[in-house]
Amino acid sequence: LRFIKKTLKNHADEVVTLHKGTPMTLKAVFQSMNLSTYDLTVDMLDVHADRNTFHRFDKFNAKYNPIGESRLREVFLKTDNYMNGKYFARIIKEVASDLEESKYQNAELRLSIYGKSPGEWAKLAKWAVQYNVYSDNVRWLIQIPRLYDIFKSNKIMNNFQEFLSNIFQPLFEVTNDPHSNMELHKFLTHVVGFDSVDDESKPENPMLDADVKTPEEWDDEENPPYAYYLYYMYANITVLNHFRKEQGLNTFVLRP
């Protein structure tokens, strides 16, 4: 809340997003929601976790939208928005400096990689290095939403292997030759592991047997079961870890 108010006061005329192709300033975004700095309260932001938050995935997700507005999430909490994640980096740096000041507190923050395209890692690393979101008190955990079915239905990919390749191939390449992308190499030294996230209450057919399709054969419209996602994440991370260990680099945990 303090950050949003401060930014509104000092950077009201900064262009923060495009709406239907038209640039919008921060002031305009708030005007379009009929809000001024004086109206904003912590209760209004509605981002506190309450009892329902961890039972209902839709509620959990909604908590990431300040005042229930996805536009504010995009402006303040994204790394790949119109401003290349400038505000998000600033918030993180403020949180990190508080942690450093209190000395004995550490945070493990989460960033998402969606597996939509192989360029996501480079983009994320560029953001982290450009804004220097580095702190001795902060480590990163990468969460991977189980969205294959959505990418498939939007014709972004043909099979599950493409999803896996988008996530893991860039990591194998940069482990093999750190100079191929120094930013990503640097960023990965502060990543501790991976998490798999989605709505766990969705019903699914958990049948996994010897005849189950391999990822390049999995071209169904529907999502593979949770166990299938986790097995292939585990298999890739294990091989990647052996490779990184041989190269004298840090390794990753799988903590779904």
Protein backbone atom coordinates (compact mmCIF):
# COMPACT_ATOMS: atom_id res chain seq x y z
CA LEU A 1 0.00 0.00 0.00
CA ARG A 2 2.81 2.41 0.92
CA PHE A 3 4.57 1.62 -2.32
CA ILE A 4 1.47 2.18 -4.46
CA LYS A 5 0.71 5.49 -2.74
CA LYS A 6 4.30 6.69 -3.01
CA THR A 7 4.49 5.75 -6.69
CA LEU A 8 1.19 7.47 -7.44
CA LYS A 9 2.46 10.60 -5.74
CA ASN A 10 5.87 10.71 -7.45
CA HIS A 11 5.35 8.98 -10.81
CA ALA A 12 1.71 9.70 -11.69
CA ASP A 13 2.56 10.71 -15.26
CA GLU A 14 4.69 7.69 -16.09
CA VAL A 15 3.21 5.55 -18.88
CA VAL A 16 2.66 2.14 -17.30
CA THR A 17 0.51 0.13 -19.68
CA LEU A 18 -1.20 0.00 -23.07
CA HIS A 19 -4.99 -0.16 -23.12
CA LYS A 20 -6.35 -1.18 -26.54
CA GLY A 21 -3.16 0.19 -28.07
CA THR A 22 -3.34 3.54 -26.24
CA PRO A 23 -0.61 4.37 -23.69
CA MET A 24 -1.97 4.92 -20.16
CA THR A 25 -0.22 6.75 -17.34
CA LEU A 26 -0.39 5.52 -13.75
CA LYS A 27 -2.73 8.40 -12.97
CA ALA A 28 -5.02 7.40 -15.85
CA VAL A 29 -5.13 3.78 -14.66
CA PHE A 30 -6.35 4.90 -11.24
CA GLN A 31 -8.76 7.41 -12.73
CA SER A 32 -10.27 4.67 -14.89
CA MET A 33 -11.02 2.82 -11.64
CA ASN A 34 -12.36 5.98 -9.96
CA LEU A 35 -9.67 5.88 -7.30
CA SER A 36 -7.35 8.43 -5.77
CA THR A 37 -4.50 7.91 -3.28
CA TYR A 38 -6.80 9.06 -0.47
CA ASP A 39 -9.26 6.25 -1.13
CA LEU A 40 -6.72 3.48 -0.86
CA THR A 41 -6.67 1.39 2.31
CA VAL A 42 -5.15 -1.96 3.22
CA ASP A 43 -8.63 -3.49 3.46
CA MET A 44 -9.44 -2.24 0.01
CA LEU A 45 -6.36 -3.86 -1.51
CA ASP A 46 -7.84 -7.19 -0.35
CA VAL A 47 -4.63 -9.17 -0.68
CA HIS A 48 -4.54 -10.69 2.81
CA ALA A 49 -4.79 -14.45 3.07
CA ASP A 50 -7.87 -15.52 5.00
CA ARG A 51 -9.27 -18.93 5.83
CA ASN A 52 -10.64 -19.61 2.35
CA THR A 53 -7.48 -18.67 0.52
CA PHE A 54 -5.80 -22.06 0.73
CA HIS A 55 -8.88 -24.15 0.07
CA ARG A 56 -9.99 -22.46 -3.10
CA PHE A 57 -7.52 -21.91 -5.93
CA ASP A 58 -9.66 -19.22 -7.55
CA LYS A 59 -9.62 -17.24 -4.28
CA PHE A 60 -5.88 -17.81 -3.91
CA ASN A 61 -5.30 -16.46 -7.40
CA ALA A 62 -7.62 -13.50 -6.89
CA LYS A 63 -5.51 -12.36 -3.93
CA TYR A 64 -2.75 -11.45 -6.38
CA ASN A 65 -4.93 -8.73 -7.90
CA PRO A 66 -4.83 -5.64 -5.67
CA ILE A 67 -8.41 -4.30 -5.29
CA GLY A 68 -9.42 -7.23 -7.48
CA GLU A 69 -7.95 -5.45 -10.52
CA SER A 70 -5.77 -7.49 -12.86
CA ARG A 71 -4.49 -4.17 -14.25
CA LEU A 72 -2.84 -3.37 -10.92
CA ARG A 73 -1.33 -6.82 -10.80
CA GLU A 74 0.12 -6.22 -14.23
CA VAL A 75 1.54 -2.80 -13.34
CA PHE A 76 2.93 -3.64 -9.89
CA LEU A 77 3.56 -7.40 -9.76
CA LYS A 78 4.77 -8.51 -13.17
CA THR A 79 8.28 -8.81 -14.57
CA ASP A 80 7.25 -8.69 -18.24
CA ASN A 81 4.88 -5.73 -18.51
CA TYR A 82 5.03 -2.47 -20.47
CA MET A 83 7.74 -1.10 -18.13
CA ASN A 84 9.70 -4.36 -18.05
CA GLY A 85 8.85 -4.98 -14.42
CA LYS A 86 10.35 -1.77 -13.03
CA TYR A 87 7.86 -1.34 -10.16
CA PHE A 88 7.95 -5.00 -9.18
CA ALA A 89 11.75 -4.79 -8.94
CA ARG A 90 11.48 -1.69 -6.75
CA ILE A 91 9.08 -3.37 -4.35
CA ILE A 92 11.39 -6.37 -4.08
CA LYS A 93 14.41 -4.17 -3.43
CA GLU A 94 12.55 -2.40 -0.62
CA VAL A 95 11.52 -5.72 0.94
CA ALA A 96 15.09 -7.00 0.59
CA SER A 97 16.59 -3.96 2.22
CA ASP A 98 14.20 -4.40 5.18
CA LEU A 99 15.36 -7.99 5.49
CA GLU A 100 19.00 -6.99 5.31
CA GLU A 101 18.43 -4.39 8.00
CA SER A 102 16.83 -6.89 10.36
CA LYS A 103 19.82 -9.18 9.64
CA TYR A 104 18.41 -12.59 10.58
CA GLN A 105 15.39 -12.79 8.32
CA ASN A 106 15.46 -14.41 4.90
CA ALA A 107 12.84 -14.73 2.21
CA GLU A 108 12.30 -17.22 -0.55
CA LEU A 109 10.36 -15.42 -3.25
CA ARG A 110 8.57 -17.00 -6.18
CA LEU A 111 8.67 -16.19 -9.85
CA SER A 112 6.73 -17.97 -12.56
CA ILE A 113 8.02 -19.67 -15.68
CA TYR A 114 5.10 -20.76 -17.82
CA GLY A 115 6.77 -22.96 -20.43
CA LYS A 116 5.07 -20.95 -23.16
CA SER A 117 8.27 -20.21 -25.08
CA PRO A 118 12.00 -20.95 -24.67
CA GLY A 119 12.78 -17.23 -24.35
CA GLU A 120 11.08 -16.83 -20.96
CA TRP A 121 14.18 -17.66 -18.93
CA ALA A 122 16.35 -15.12 -20.75
CA LYS A 123 13.69 -12.45 -20.22
CA LEU A 124 13.35 -13.20 -16.52
CA ALA A 125 17.11 -13.25 -15.98
CA LYS A 126 17.50 -9.99 -17.88
CA TRP A 127 14.94 -8.39 -15.56
CA ALA A 128 16.70 -9.72 -12.44
CA VAL A 129 20.14 -8.55 -13.54
CA GLN A 130 19.04 -5.23 -15.03
CA TYR A 131 17.31 -4.15 -11.81
CA ASN A 132 19.82 -5.95 -9.59
CA VAL A 133 17.18 -7.61 -7.41
CA TYR A 134 20.02 -9.47 -5.73
CA SER A 135 20.19 -9.80 -1.97
CA ASP A 136 22.04 -12.11 0.40
CA ASN A 137 18.74 -12.52 2.26
CA VAL A 138 16.69 -13.57 -0.75
CA ARG A 139 16.55 -16.75 -2.80
CA TRP A 140 14.20 -17.54 -5.67
CA LEU A 141 11.91 -20.49 -6.20
CA ILE A 142 10.51 -20.96 -9.71
CA GLN A 143 6.88 -22.01 -9.88
CA ILE A 144 5.59 -23.70 -12.99
CA PRO A 145 1.81 -23.55 -13.47
CA ARG A 146 0.33 -26.68 -15.04
CA LEU A 147 -1.13 -24.92 -18.06
CA TYR A 148 -0.33 -27.29 -20.93
CA ASP A 149 -4.04 -27.76 -21.74
CA ILE A 150 -4.52 -23.99 -22.14
CA PHE A 151 -1.48 -23.63 -24.42
CA LYS A 152 -2.67 -26.62 -26.42
CA SER A 153 -6.20 -25.30 -26.88
CA ASN A 154 -4.77 -21.91 -27.95
CA LYS A 155 -2.59 -23.70 -30.53
CA ILE A 156 0.62 -22.41 -28.90
CA MET A 157 2.07 -25.94 -28.82
CA ASN A 158 1.43 -29.37 -30.27
CA ASN A 159 2.49 -31.74 -27.50
CA PHE A 160 3.66 -31.94 -23.89
CA GLN A 161 7.30 -32.31 -24.90
CA GLU A 162 7.31 -28.74 -26.22
CA PHE A 163 6.16 -27.53 -22.81
CA LEU A 164 9.01 -29.45 -21.12
CA SER A 165 11.59 -28.29 -23.68
CA ASN A 166 10.62 -24.64 -23.21
CA ILE A 167 11.27 -25.00 -19.48
CA PHE A 168 14.38 -27.18 -19.39
CA GLN A 169 16.31 -26.76 -22.63
CA PRO A 170 17.51 -23.21 -21.85
CA LEU A 171 18.77 -24.51 -18.47
CA PHE A 172 20.77 -27.35 -20.03
CA GLU A 173 22.22 -24.97 -22.62
CA VAL A 174 23.37 -22.37 -20.09
CA THR A 175 24.76 -25.09 -17.79
CA ASN A 176 26.72 -26.48 -20.73
CA ASP A 177 28.07 -23.03 -21.67
CA PRO A 178 27.52 -20.24 -19.12
CA HIS A 179 28.83 -17.69 -21.66
CA SER A 180 25.87 -18.43 -23.95
CA ASN A 181 23.81 -16.28 -21.55
CA MET A 182 25.71 -14.75 -18.64
CA GLU A 183 22.59 -13.10 -17.21
CA LEU A 184 20.76 -16.41 -16.96
CA HIS A 185 23.88 -18.08 -15.57
CA LYS A 186 24.09 -15.42 -12.83
CA PHE A 187 20.39 -15.55 -12.06
CA LEU A 188 20.38 -19.35 -11.68
CA THR A 189 23.00 -19.16 -8.92
CA HIS A 190 20.25 -17.62 -6.76
CA VAL A 191 17.50 -20.06 -7.71
CA VAL A 192 17.00 -22.85 -5.18
CA GLY A 193 14.38 -24.98 -6.85
CA PHE A 194 11.06 -25.60 -8.56
CA ASP A 195 7.45 -25.86 -7.59
CA SER A 196 4.46 -27.08 -9.60
CA VAL A 197 1.29 -25.02 -9.13
CA ASP A 198 -2.34 -25.27 -10.17
CA ASP A 199 -5.79 -25.98 -8.82
CA GLU A 200 -5.36 -29.22 -6.85
CA SER A 201 -9.12 -29.66 -6.48
CA LYS A 202 -9.64 -30.29 -10.21
CA PRO A 203 -10.72 -33.89 -10.79
CA GLU A 204 -8.35 -35.90 -12.97
CA ASN A 205 -7.76 -39.44 -14.09
CA PRO A 206 -4.57 -40.42 -12.25
CA MET A 207 -3.96 -43.59 -14.29
CA LEU A 208 -0.24 -43.96 -14.91
CA ASP A 209 0.90 -47.30 -16.25
CA ALA A 210 3.52 -48.71 -18.58
CA ASP A 211 1.41 -47.83 -21.64
CA VAL A 212 1.08 -44.14 -20.81
CA LYS A 213 2.02 -41.83 -23.70
CA THR A 214 5.47 -40.25 -23.70
CA PRO A 215 5.58 -36.42 -23.73
CA GLU A 216 6.11 -36.14 -27.50
CA GLU A 217 3.10 -38.42 -28.03
CA TRP A 218 0.96 -36.54 -25.50
CA ASP A 219 -0.99 -34.32 -27.89
CA ASP A 220 -4.35 -34.57 -26.10
CA GLU A 221 -6.40 -31.46 -25.45
CA GLU A 222 -6.50 -32.32 -21.77
CA ASN A 223 -3.83 -31.89 -19.13
CA PRO A 224 -1.68 -34.88 -18.17
CA PRO A 225 -2.26 -35.98 -14.54
CA TYR A 226 -0.40 -34.25 -11.70
CA ALA A 227 1.83 -37.30 -11.21
CA TYR A 228 2.83 -37.16 -14.89
CA TYR A 229 3.85 -33.48 -14.62
CA LEU A 230 5.84 -34.18 -11.47
CA TYR A 231 7.58 -37.25 -12.82
CA TYR A 232 8.88 -35.40 -15.89
CA MET A 233 9.89 -32.37 -13.83
CA TYR A 234 11.72 -34.69 -11.43
CA ALA A 235 13.43 -36.58 -14.26
CA ASN A 236 14.64 -33.38 -15.94
CA ILE A 237 15.80 -31.74 -12.71
CA THR A 238 17.71 -34.87 -11.65
CA VAL A 239 19.69 -35.01 -14.91
CA LEU A 240 20.20 -31.24 -14.85
CA ASN A 241 21.50 -31.44 -11.26
CA HIS A 242 24.08 -34.11 -12.12
CA PHE A 243 25.24 -31.97 -15.02
CA ARG A 244 25.43 -28.81 -12.89
CA LYS A 245 27.30 -30.63 -10.14
CA GLU A 246 29.94 -31.79 -12.64
CA GLN A 247 30.29 -28.17 -13.76
CA GLY A 248 30.71 -27.06 -10.14
CA LEU A 249 27.40 -25.14 -10.17
CA ASN A 250 24.54 -24.99 -7.66
CA THR A 251 21.75 -27.56 -7.95
CA PHE A 252 17.95 -27.38 -7.59
CA VAL A 253 15.31 -29.02 -5.44
CA LEU A 254 11.80 -30.04 -6.50
CA ARG A 255 9.36 -28.80 -3.86
CA PRO A 256 5.82 -29.02 -5.16
